[in-house]
Amino acid sequence: KIEIALTKPANTAEDLALAYSPGVAEPVREIAKNPDDVYK
């Protein structure tokens, strides 16, 4: 009765670069500095 749905575009190489490597490193660093940013 349930499935996972995407909330961000994942159609281009640029999309994937933002969604995963290397772009994903930026929110990782922010959350490491301020755990409350996990909500952001």
PDB file of all heavy atoms in Angstrom:
ATOM      1  N   LYS A   1       0.795  -1.225   0.000  1.00  0.00           N
ATOM      2  CA  LYS A   1       0.000   0.000   0.000  1.00  0.00           C
ATOM      3  C   LYS A   1       0.830   1.279   0.000  1.00  0.00           C
ATOM      4  O   LYS A   1       0.275   2.375  -0.064  1.00  0.00           O
ATOM      5  CB  LYS A   1      -0.934   0.006   1.221  1.00  0.00           C
ATOM      6  CG  LYS A   1      -1.943  -1.126   1.228  1.00  0.00           C
ATOM      7  CD  LYS A   1      -2.973  -0.965   2.327  1.00  0.00           C
ATOM      8  CE  LYS A   1      -2.428  -1.219   3.708  1.00  0.00           C
ATOM      9  NZ  LYS A   1      -2.267  -2.652   4.015  1.00  0.00           N
ATOM     10  N   ILE A   2       2.142   1.179   0.117  1.00  0.00           N
ATOM     11  CA  ILE A   2       2.976   2.380   0.165  1.00  0.00           C
ATOM     12  C   ILE A   2       4.172   2.212  -0.760  1.00  0.00           C
ATOM     13  O   ILE A   2       4.538   1.100  -1.135  1.00  0.00           O
ATOM     14  CB  ILE A   2       3.470   2.687   1.599  1.00  0.00           C
ATOM     15  CG1 ILE A   2       4.293   1.525   2.169  1.00  0.00           C
ATOM     16  CG2 ILE A   2       2.279   2.994   2.515  1.00  0.00           C
ATOM     17  CD1 ILE A   2       4.928   1.819   3.512  1.00  0.00           C
ATOM     18  N   GLU A   3       4.782   3.368  -1.127  1.00  0.00           N
ATOM     19  CA  GLU A   3       5.987   3.358  -1.939  1.00  0.00           C
ATOM     20  C   GLU A   3       6.809   4.594  -1.610  1.00  0.00           C
ATOM     21  O   GLU A   3       6.320   5.525  -0.953  1.00  0.00           O
ATOM     22  CB  GLU A   3       5.645   3.348  -3.436  1.00  0.00           C
ATOM     23  CG  GLU A   3       4.947   4.613  -3.911  1.00  0.00           C
ATOM     24  CD  GLU A   3       4.632   4.597  -5.397  1.00  0.00           C
ATOM     25  OE1 GLU A   3       4.872   3.572  -6.053  1.00  0.00           O
ATOM     26  OE2 GLU A   3       4.125   5.619  -5.893  1.00  0.00           O
ATOM     27  N   ILE A   4       8.056   4.626  -2.059  1.00  0.00           N
ATOM     28  CA  ILE A   4       8.915   5.794  -1.889  1.00  0.00           C
ATOM     29  C   ILE A   4       8.758   6.692  -3.117  1.00  0.00           C
ATOM     30  O   ILE A   4       8.822   6.233  -4.256  1.00  0.00           O
ATOM     31  CB  ILE A   4      10.391   5.386  -1.743  1.00  0.00           C
ATOM     32  CG1 ILE A   4      10.569   4.454  -0.532  1.00  0.00           C
ATOM     33  CG2 ILE A   4      11.285   6.604  -1.618  1.00  0.00           C
ATOM     34  CD1 ILE A   4      10.245   5.089   0.802  1.00  0.00           C
ATOM     35  N   ALA A   5       8.550   7.976  -2.888  1.00  0.00           N
ATOM     36  CA  ALA A   5       8.441   8.945  -3.987  1.00  0.00           C
ATOM     37  C   ALA A   5       9.577   9.961  -3.877  1.00  0.00           C
ATOM     38  O   ALA A   5       9.993  10.327  -2.774  1.00  0.00           O
ATOM     39  CB  ALA A   5       7.100   9.655  -3.933  1.00  0.00           C
ATOM     40  N   LEU A   6      10.094  10.419  -5.007  1.00  0.00           N
ATOM     41  CA  LEU A   6      11.171  11.409  -5.020  1.00  0.00           C
ATOM     42  C   LEU A   6      10.598  12.812  -4.859  1.00  0.00           C
ATOM     43  O   LEU A   6       9.537  13.131  -5.407  1.00  0.00           O
ATOM     44  CB  LEU A   6      11.954  11.317  -6.328  1.00  0.00           C
ATOM     45  CG  LEU A   6      12.605   9.961  -6.634  1.00  0.00           C
ATOM     46  CD1 LEU A   6      13.415  10.058  -7.918  1.00  0.00           C
ATOM     47  CD2 LEU A   6      13.485   9.512  -5.483  1.00  0.00           C
ATOM     48  N   THR A   7      11.290  13.654  -4.127  1.00  0.00           N
ATOM     49  CA  THR A   7      10.866  15.041  -3.931  1.00  0.00           C
ATOM     50  C   THR A   7      11.757  16.028  -4.687  1.00  0.00           C
ATOM     51  O   THR A   7      11.489  17.227  -4.658  1.00  0.00           O
ATOM     52  CB  THR A   7      10.885  15.407  -2.439  1.00  0.00           C
ATOM     53  OG1 THR A   7      12.224  15.298  -1.935  1.00  0.00           O
ATOM     54  CG2 THR A   7       9.963  14.487  -1.649  1.00  0.00           C
ATOM     55  N   LYS A   8      12.807  15.544  -5.317  1.00  0.00           N
ATOM     56  CA  LYS A   8      13.735  16.391  -6.064  1.00  0.00           C
ATOM     57  C   LYS A   8      13.933  15.806  -7.461  1.00  0.00           C
ATOM     58  O   LYS A   8      13.792  14.596  -7.664  1.00  0.00           O
ATOM     59  CB  LYS A   8      15.101  16.461  -5.350  1.00  0.00           C
ATOM     60  CG  LYS A   8      15.062  17.022  -3.927  1.00  0.00           C
ATOM     61  CD  LYS A   8      14.678  18.495  -3.922  1.00  0.00           C
ATOM     62  CE  LYS A   8      14.915  19.122  -2.552  1.00  0.00           C
ATOM     63  NZ  LYS A   8      14.027  18.566  -1.510  1.00  0.00           N
ATOM     64  N   PRO A   9      14.269  16.647  -8.453  1.00  0.00           N
ATOM     65  CA  PRO A   9      14.530  16.122  -9.795  1.00  0.00           C
ATOM     66  C   PRO A   9      15.772  15.242  -9.815  1.00  0.00           C
ATOM     67  O   PRO A   9      16.726  15.469  -9.067  1.00  0.00           O
ATOM     68  CB  PRO A   9      14.731  17.387 -10.634  1.00  0.00           C
ATOM     69  CG  PRO A   9      15.116  18.445  -9.658  1.00  0.00           C
ATOM     70  CD  PRO A   9      14.401  18.127  -8.383  1.00  0.00           C
ATOM     71  N   ALA A  10      15.742  14.212 -10.637  1.00  0.00           N
ATOM     72  CA  ALA A  10      16.880  13.292 -10.772  1.00  0.00           C
ATOM     73  C   ALA A  10      16.992  12.855 -12.228  1.00  0.00           C
ATOM     74  O   ALA A  10      17.127  11.671 -12.530  1.00  0.00           O
ATOM     75  CB  ALA A  10      16.702  12.095  -9.847  1.00  0.00           C
ATOM     76  N   ASN A  11      16.948  13.844 -13.132  1.00  0.00           N
ATOM     77  CA  ASN A  11      16.877  13.543 -14.556  1.00  0.00           C
ATOM     78  C   ASN A  11      18.179  13.787 -15.312  1.00  0.00           C
ATOM     79  O   ASN A  11      18.384  13.240 -16.397  1.00  0.00           O
ATOM     80  CB  ASN A  11      15.766  14.380 -15.199  1.00  0.00           C
ATOM     81  CG  ASN A  11      14.404  14.106 -14.572  1.00  0.00           C
ATOM     82  OD1 ASN A  11      14.057  12.945 -14.350  1.00  0.00           O
ATOM     83  ND2 ASN A  11      13.663  15.157 -14.274  1.00  0.00           N
ATOM     84  N   THR A  12      19.043  14.619 -14.760  1.00  0.00           N
ATOM     85  CA  THR A  12      20.266  14.988 -15.470  1.00  0.00           C
ATOM     86  C   THR A  12      21.485  14.656 -14.635  1.00  0.00           C
ATOM     87  O   THR A  12      21.382  14.378 -13.431  1.00  0.00           O
ATOM     88  CB  THR A  12      20.272  16.489 -15.785  1.00  0.00           C
ATOM     89  OG1 THR A  12      20.372  17.227 -14.549  1.00  0.00           O
ATOM     90  CG2 THR A  12      18.996  16.902 -16.523  1.00  0.00           C
ATOM     91  N   ALA A  13      22.644  14.743 -15.290  1.00  0.00           N
ATOM     92  CA  ALA A  13      23.898  14.532 -14.562  1.00  0.00           C
ATOM     93  C   ALA A  13      24.057  15.566 -13.452  1.00  0.00           C
ATOM     94  O   ALA A  13      24.556  15.259 -12.358  1.00  0.00           O
ATOM     95  CB  ALA A  13      25.075  14.600 -15.540  1.00  0.00           C
ATOM     96  N   GLU A  14      23.620  16.797 -13.714  1.00  0.00           N
ATOM     97  CA  GLU A  14      23.708  17.844 -12.687  1.00  0.00           C
ATOM     98  C   GLU A  14      22.796  17.533 -11.506  1.00  0.00           C
ATOM     99  O   GLU A  14      23.188  17.724 -10.339  1.00  0.00           O
ATOM    100  CB  GLU A  14      23.335  19.196 -13.276  1.00  0.00           C
ATOM    101  CG  GLU A  14      23.481  20.334 -12.279  1.00  0.00           C
ATOM    102  CD  GLU A  14      23.125  21.685 -12.877  1.00  0.00           C
ATOM    103  OE1 GLU A  14      22.647  21.723 -14.025  1.00  0.00           O
ATOM    104  OE2 GLU A  14      23.318  22.700 -12.185  1.00  0.00           O
ATOM    105  N   ASP A  15      21.574  17.038 -11.799  1.00  0.00           N
ATOM    106  CA  ASP A  15      20.669  16.636 -10.713  1.00  0.00           C
ATOM    107  C   ASP A  15      21.318  15.589  -9.818  1.00  0.00           C
ATOM    108  O   ASP A  15      21.274  15.682  -8.581  1.00  0.00           O
ATOM    109  CB  ASP A  15      19.379  16.043 -11.294  1.00  0.00           C
ATOM    110  CG  ASP A  15      18.517  17.075 -11.997  1.00  0.00           C
ATOM    111  OD1 ASP A  15      18.681  18.282 -11.736  1.00  0.00           O
ATOM    112  OD2 ASP A  15      17.663  16.654 -12.808  1.00  0.00           O
ATOM    113  N   LEU A  16      21.924  14.585 -10.455  1.00  0.00           N
ATOM    114  CA  LEU A  16      22.534  13.497  -9.673  1.00  0.00           C
ATOM    115  C   LEU A  16      23.741  13.988  -8.891  1.00  0.00           C
ATOM    116  O   LEU A  16      24.003  13.515  -7.775  1.00  0.00           O
ATOM    117  CB  LEU A  16      22.911  12.345 -10.597  1.00  0.00           C
ATOM    118  CG  LEU A  16      21.729  11.657 -11.302  1.00  0.00           C
ATOM    119  CD1 LEU A  16      22.220  10.499 -12.161  1.00  0.00           C
ATOM    120  CD2 LEU A  16      20.688  11.168 -10.308  1.00  0.00           C
ATOM    121  N   ALA A  17      24.463  14.937  -9.456  1.00  0.00           N
ATOM    122  CA  ALA A  17      25.619  15.495  -8.749  1.00  0.00           C
ATOM    123  C   ALA A  17      25.181  16.253  -7.501  1.00  0.00           C
ATOM    124  O   ALA A  17      25.868  16.244  -6.474  1.00  0.00           O
ATOM    125  CB  ALA A  17      26.409  16.413  -9.682  1.00  0.00           C
ATOM    126  N   LEU A  18      24.014  16.899  -7.572  1.00  0.00           N
ATOM    127  CA  LEU A  18      23.481  17.599  -6.408  1.00  0.00           C
ATOM    128  C   LEU A  18      22.869  16.621  -5.405  1.00  0.00           C
ATOM    129  O   LEU A  18      23.032  16.770  -4.188  1.00  0.00           O
ATOM    130  CB  LEU A  18      22.414  18.606  -6.857  1.00  0.00           C
ATOM    131  CG  LEU A  18      22.912  19.816  -7.639  1.00  0.00           C
ATOM    132  CD1 LEU A  18      21.745  20.585  -8.226  1.00  0.00           C
ATOM    133  CD2 LEU A  18      23.768  20.730  -6.755  1.00  0.00           C
ATOM    134  N   ALA A  19      22.178  15.618  -5.925  1.00  0.00           N
ATOM    135  CA  ALA A  19      21.477  14.671  -5.054  1.00  0.00           C
ATOM    136  C   ALA A  19      22.437  13.775  -4.290  1.00  0.00           C
ATOM    137  O   ALA A  19      22.194  13.436  -3.126  1.00  0.00           O
ATOM    138  CB  ALA A  19      20.528  13.816  -5.878  1.00  0.00           C
ATOM    139  N   TYR A  20      23.518  13.384  -4.966  1.00  0.00           N
ATOM    140  CA  TYR A  20      24.462  12.463  -4.325  1.00  0.00           C
ATOM    141  C   TYR A  20      25.857  13.074  -4.405  1.00  0.00           C
ATOM    142  O   TYR A  20      26.056  14.211  -3.993  1.00  0.00           O
ATOM    143  CB  TYR A  20      24.341  11.069  -4.960  1.00  0.00           C
ATOM    144  CG  TYR A  20      24.894   9.996  -4.055  1.00  0.00           C
ATOM    145  CD1 TYR A  20      24.377   9.824  -2.762  1.00  0.00           C
ATOM    146  CD2 TYR A  20      25.926   9.169  -4.460  1.00  0.00           C
ATOM    147  CE1 TYR A  20      24.888   8.854  -1.914  1.00  0.00           C
ATOM    148  CE2 TYR A  20      26.433   8.194  -3.623  1.00  0.00           C
ATOM    149  CZ  TYR A  20      25.921   8.037  -2.348  1.00  0.00           C
ATOM    150  OH  TYR A  20      26.431   7.089  -1.508  1.00  0.00           O
ATOM    151  N   SER A  21      26.806  12.354  -4.907  1.00  0.00           N
ATOM    152  CA  SER A  21      28.179  12.865  -4.887  1.00  0.00           C
ATOM    153  C   SER A  21      28.437  13.767  -6.096  1.00  0.00           C
ATOM    154  O   SER A  21      28.048  13.421  -7.226  1.00  0.00           O
ATOM    155  CB  SER A  21      29.162  11.686  -4.903  1.00  0.00           C
ATOM    156  OG  SER A  21      30.482  12.126  -4.839  1.00  0.00           O
ATOM    157  N   PRO A  22      29.034  14.950  -5.892  1.00  0.00           N
ATOM    158  CA  PRO A  22      29.646  15.464  -4.655  1.00  0.00           C
ATOM    159  C   PRO A  22      28.723  16.354  -3.820  1.00  0.00           C
ATOM    160  O   PRO A  22      29.057  16.712  -2.693  1.00  0.00           O
ATOM    161  CB  PRO A  22      30.808  16.283  -5.192  1.00  0.00           C
ATOM    162  CG  PRO A  22      30.279  16.864  -6.465  1.00  0.00           C
ATOM    163  CD  PRO A  22      29.400  15.792  -7.074  1.00  0.00           C
ATOM    164  N   GLY A  23      27.546  16.761  -4.385  1.00  0.00           N
ATOM    165  CA  GLY A  23      26.723  17.771  -3.736  1.00  0.00           C
ATOM    166  C   GLY A  23      26.239  17.410  -2.356  1.00  0.00           C
ATOM    167  O   GLY A  23      26.083  18.281  -1.482  1.00  0.00           O
ATOM    168  N   VAL A  24      25.986  16.133  -2.123  1.00  0.00           N
ATOM    169  CA  VAL A  24      25.438  15.715  -0.839  1.00  0.00           C
ATOM    170  C   VAL A  24      26.397  15.998   0.319  1.00  0.00           C
ATOM    171  O   VAL A  24      25.979  16.090   1.478  1.00  0.00           O
ATOM    172  CB  VAL A  24      25.065  14.211  -0.893  1.00  0.00           C
ATOM    173  CG1 VAL A  24      26.305  13.323  -0.838  1.00  0.00           C
ATOM    174  CG2 VAL A  24      24.091  13.854   0.220  1.00  0.00           C
ATOM    175  N   ALA A  25      27.656  16.180   0.028  1.00  0.00           N
ATOM    176  CA  ALA A  25      28.632  16.468   1.090  1.00  0.00           C
ATOM    177  C   ALA A  25      28.322  17.773   1.816  1.00  0.00           C
ATOM    178  O   ALA A  25      28.647  17.925   3.003  1.00  0.00           O
ATOM    179  CB  ALA A  25      30.037  16.507   0.504  1.00  0.00           C
ATOM    180  N   GLU A  26      27.693  18.729   1.106  1.00  0.00           N
ATOM    181  CA  GLU A  26      27.452  20.034   1.723  1.00  0.00           C
ATOM    182  C   GLU A  26      26.451  19.957   2.876  1.00  0.00           C
ATOM    183  O   GLU A  26      26.730  20.457   3.975  1.00  0.00           O
ATOM    184  CB  GLU A  26      27.010  21.039   0.660  1.00  0.00           C
ATOM    185  CG  GLU A  26      28.053  21.267  -0.430  1.00  0.00           C
ATOM    186  CD  GLU A  26      29.435  21.542   0.138  1.00  0.00           C
ATOM    187  OE1 GLU A  26      29.549  22.311   1.127  1.00  0.00           O
ATOM    188  OE2 GLU A  26      30.417  20.969  -0.387  1.00  0.00           O
ATOM    189  N   PRO A  27      25.273  19.343   2.700  1.00  0.00           N
ATOM    190  CA  PRO A  27      24.388  19.209   3.863  1.00  0.00           C
ATOM    191  C   PRO A  27      24.973  18.305   4.947  1.00  0.00           C
ATOM    192  O   PRO A  27      24.684  18.501   6.134  1.00  0.00           O
ATOM    193  CB  PRO A  27      23.098  18.617   3.280  1.00  0.00           C
ATOM    194  CG  PRO A  27      23.465  18.056   1.955  1.00  0.00           C
ATOM    195  CD  PRO A  27      24.584  18.894   1.461  1.00  0.00           C
ATOM    196  N   VAL A  28      25.787  17.331   4.562  1.00  0.00           N
ATOM    197  CA  VAL A  28      26.453  16.489   5.569  1.00  0.00           C
ATOM    198  C   VAL A  28      27.298  17.352   6.489  1.00  0.00           C
ATOM    199  O   VAL A  28      27.256  17.226   7.723  1.00  0.00           O
ATOM    200  CB  VAL A  28      27.317  15.405   4.889  1.00  0.00           C
ATOM    201  CG1 VAL A  28      28.217  14.723   5.917  1.00  0.00           C
ATOM    202  CG2 VAL A  28      26.431  14.368   4.202  1.00  0.00           C
ATOM    203  N   ARG A  29      28.089  18.256   5.902  1.00  0.00           N
ATOM    204  CA  ARG A  29      28.952  19.134   6.710  1.00  0.00           C
ATOM    205  C   ARG A  29      28.124  20.048   7.607  1.00  0.00           C
ATOM    206  O   ARG A  29      28.476  20.288   8.772  1.00  0.00           O
ATOM    207  CB  ARG A  29      29.852  19.965   5.791  1.00  0.00           C
ATOM    208  CG  ARG A  29      30.904  19.159   5.032  1.00  0.00           C
ATOM    209  CD  ARG A  29      31.854  20.086   4.277  1.00  0.00           C
ATOM    210  NE  ARG A  29      32.851  19.338   3.527  1.00  0.00           N
ATOM    211  CZ  ARG A  29      32.803  19.133   2.210  1.00  0.00           C
ATOM    212  NH1 ARG A  29      31.800  19.644   1.488  1.00  0.00           N
ATOM    213  NH2 ARG A  29      33.743  18.434   1.604  1.00  0.00           N
ATOM    214  N   GLU A  30      27.017  20.555   7.056  1.00  0.00           N
ATOM    215  CA  GLU A  30      26.179  21.459   7.850  1.00  0.00           C
ATOM    216  C   GLU A  30      25.547  20.742   9.039  1.00  0.00           C
ATOM    217  O   GLU A  30      25.483  21.282  10.146  1.00  0.00           O
ATOM    218  CB  GLU A  30      25.096  22.067   6.955  1.00  0.00           C
ATOM    219  CG  GLU A  30      25.619  22.982   5.861  1.00  0.00           C
ATOM    220  CD  GLU A  30      26.433  24.131   6.410  1.00  0.00           C
ATOM    221  OE1 GLU A  30      25.922  24.838   7.320  1.00  0.00           O
ATOM    222  OE2 GLU A  30      27.588  24.317   5.963  1.00  0.00           O
ATOM    223  N   ILE A  31      25.071  19.523   8.820  1.00  0.00           N
ATOM    224  CA  ILE A  31      24.455  18.759   9.907  1.00  0.00           C
ATOM    225  C   ILE A  31      25.494  18.367  10.950  1.00  0.00           C
ATOM    226  O   ILE A  31      25.211  18.361  12.157  1.00  0.00           O
ATOM    227  CB  ILE A  31      23.727  17.516   9.346  1.00  0.00           C
ATOM    228  CG1 ILE A  31      22.545  17.955   8.469  1.00  0.00           C
ATOM    229  CG2 ILE A  31      23.239  16.596  10.467  1.00  0.00           C
ATOM    230  CD1 ILE A  31      21.932  16.844   7.630  1.00  0.00           C
ATOM    231  N   ALA A  32      26.700  18.051  10.508  1.00  0.00           N
ATOM    232  CA  ALA A  32      27.767  17.713  11.454  1.00  0.00           C
ATOM    233  C   ALA A  32      28.076  18.900  12.364  1.00  0.00           C
ATOM    234  O   ALA A  32      28.355  18.728  13.558  1.00  0.00           O
ATOM    235  CB  ALA A  32      29.026  17.286  10.703  1.00  0.00           C
ATOM    236  N   LYS A  33      28.009  20.112  11.811  1.00  0.00           N
ATOM    237  CA  LYS A  33      28.267  21.314  12.608  1.00  0.00           C
ATOM    238  C   LYS A  33      27.066  21.654  13.499  1.00  0.00           C
ATOM    239  O   LYS A  33      27.240  22.088  14.641  1.00  0.00           O
ATOM    240  CB  LYS A  33      28.568  22.502  11.681  1.00  0.00           C
ATOM    241  CG  LYS A  33      29.928  22.447  11.009  1.00  0.00           C
ATOM    242  CD  LYS A  33      30.244  23.731  10.261  1.00  0.00           C
ATOM    243  CE  LYS A  33      29.295  23.944   9.090  1.00  0.00           C
ATOM    244  NZ  LYS A  33      29.666  25.148   8.291  1.00  0.00           N
ATOM    245  N   ASN A  34      25.858  21.449  12.973  1.00  0.00           N
ATOM    246  CA  ASN A  34      24.640  21.804  13.705  1.00  0.00           C
ATOM    247  C   ASN A  34      23.594  20.716  13.479  1.00  0.00           C
ATOM    248  O   ASN A  34      22.898  20.719  12.461  1.00  0.00           O
ATOM    249  CB  ASN A  34      24.096  23.152  13.230  1.00  0.00           C
ATOM    250  CG  ASN A  34      22.797  23.515  13.942  1.00  0.00           C
ATOM    251  OD1 ASN A  34      22.459  22.960  14.989  1.00  0.00           O
ATOM    252  ND2 ASN A  34      22.059  24.452  13.356  1.00  0.00           N
ATOM    253  N   PRO A  35      23.459  19.774  14.410  1.00  0.00           N
ATOM    254  CA  PRO A  35      22.549  18.644  14.215  1.00  0.00           C
ATOM    255  C   PRO A  35      21.111  19.042  13.891  1.00  0.00           C
ATOM    256  O   PRO A  35      20.401  18.302  13.201  1.00  0.00           O
ATOM    257  CB  PRO A  35      22.633  17.887  15.543  1.00  0.00           C
ATOM    258  CG  PRO A  35      23.999  18.194  16.047  1.00  0.00           C
ATOM    259  CD  PRO A  35      24.254  19.617  15.648  1.00  0.00           C
ATOM    260  N   ASP A  36      20.656  20.201  14.367  1.00  0.00           N
ATOM    261  CA  ASP A  36      19.296  20.627  14.074  1.00  0.00           C
ATOM    262  C   ASP A  36      19.063  20.870  12.587  1.00  0.00           C
ATOM    263  O   ASP A  36      17.914  20.863  12.117  1.00  0.00           O
ATOM    264  CB  ASP A  36      18.955  21.906  14.847  1.00  0.00           C
ATOM    265  CG  ASP A  36      18.624  21.623  16.302  1.00  0.00           C
ATOM    266  OD1 ASP A  36      18.454  20.437  16.658  1.00  0.00           O
ATOM    267  OD2 ASP A  36      18.546  22.583  17.095  1.00  0.00           O
ATOM    268  N   ASP A  37      20.145  21.056  11.842  1.00  0.00           N
ATOM    269  CA  ASP A  37      20.003  21.257  10.402  1.00  0.00           C
ATOM    270  C   ASP A  37      19.511  20.003   9.677  1.00  0.00           C
ATOM    271  O   ASP A  37      19.168  20.068   8.491  1.00  0.00           O
ATOM    272  CB  ASP A  37      21.330  21.723   9.788  1.00  0.00           C
ATOM    273  CG  ASP A  37      21.530  23.221   9.925  1.00  0.00           C
ATOM    274  OD1 ASP A  37      20.568  23.919  10.322  1.00  0.00           O
ATOM    275  OD2 ASP A  37      22.638  23.715   9.641  1.00  0.00           O
ATOM    276  N   VAL A  38      19.471  18.875  10.383  1.00  0.00           N
ATOM    277  CA  VAL A  38      18.914  17.668   9.774  1.00  0.00           C
ATOM    278  C   VAL A  38      17.455  17.906   9.371  1.00  0.00           C
ATOM    279  O   VAL A  38      16.962  17.326   8.398  1.00  0.00           O
ATOM    280  CB  VAL A  38      19.037  16.459  10.729  1.00  0.00           C
ATOM    281  CG1 VAL A  38      18.098  16.577  11.913  1.00  0.00           C
ATOM    282  CG2 VAL A  38      18.803  15.147   9.993  1.00  0.00           C
ATOM    283  N   TYR A  39      16.779  18.785  10.128  1.00  0.00           N
ATOM    284  CA  TYR A  39      15.387  19.107   9.788  1.00  0.00           C
ATOM    285  C   TYR A  39      15.305  19.986   8.540  1.00  0.00           C
ATOM    286  O   TYR A  39      14.307  19.981   7.833  1.00  0.00           O
ATOM    287  CB  TYR A  39      14.719  19.817  10.963  1.00  0.00           C
ATOM    288  CG  TYR A  39      14.471  18.912  12.142  1.00  0.00           C
ATOM    289  CD1 TYR A  39      15.350  18.890  13.218  1.00  0.00           C
ATOM    290  CD2 TYR A  39      13.366  18.075  12.188  1.00  0.00           C
ATOM    291  CE1 TYR A  39      15.129  18.057  14.308  1.00  0.00           C
ATOM    292  CE2 TYR A  39      13.132  17.243  13.266  1.00  0.00           C
ATOM    293  CZ  TYR A  39      14.018  17.234  14.328  1.00  0.00           C
ATOM    294  OH  TYR A  39      13.804  16.399  15.390  1.00  0.00           O
ATOM    295  N   LYS A  40      16.357  20.727   8.270  1.00  0.00           N
ATOM    296  CA  LYS A  40      16.388  21.622   7.108  1.00  0.00           C
ATOM    297  C   LYS A  40      16.726  20.885   5.826  1.00  0.00           C
ATOM    298  O   LYS A  40      16.191  21.186   4.751  1.00  0.00           O
ATOM    299  CB  LYS A  40      17.398  22.741   7.356  1.00  0.00           C
ATOM    300  CG  LYS A  40      17.506  23.773   6.249  1.00  0.00           C
ATOM    301  CD  LYS A  40      18.480  24.868   6.639  1.00  0.00           C
ATOM    302  CE  LYS A  40      18.581  25.942   5.557  1.00  0.00           C
ATOM    303  NZ  LYS A  40      19.543  27.017   5.938  1.00  0.00           N
TER     304      LYS A  40
END
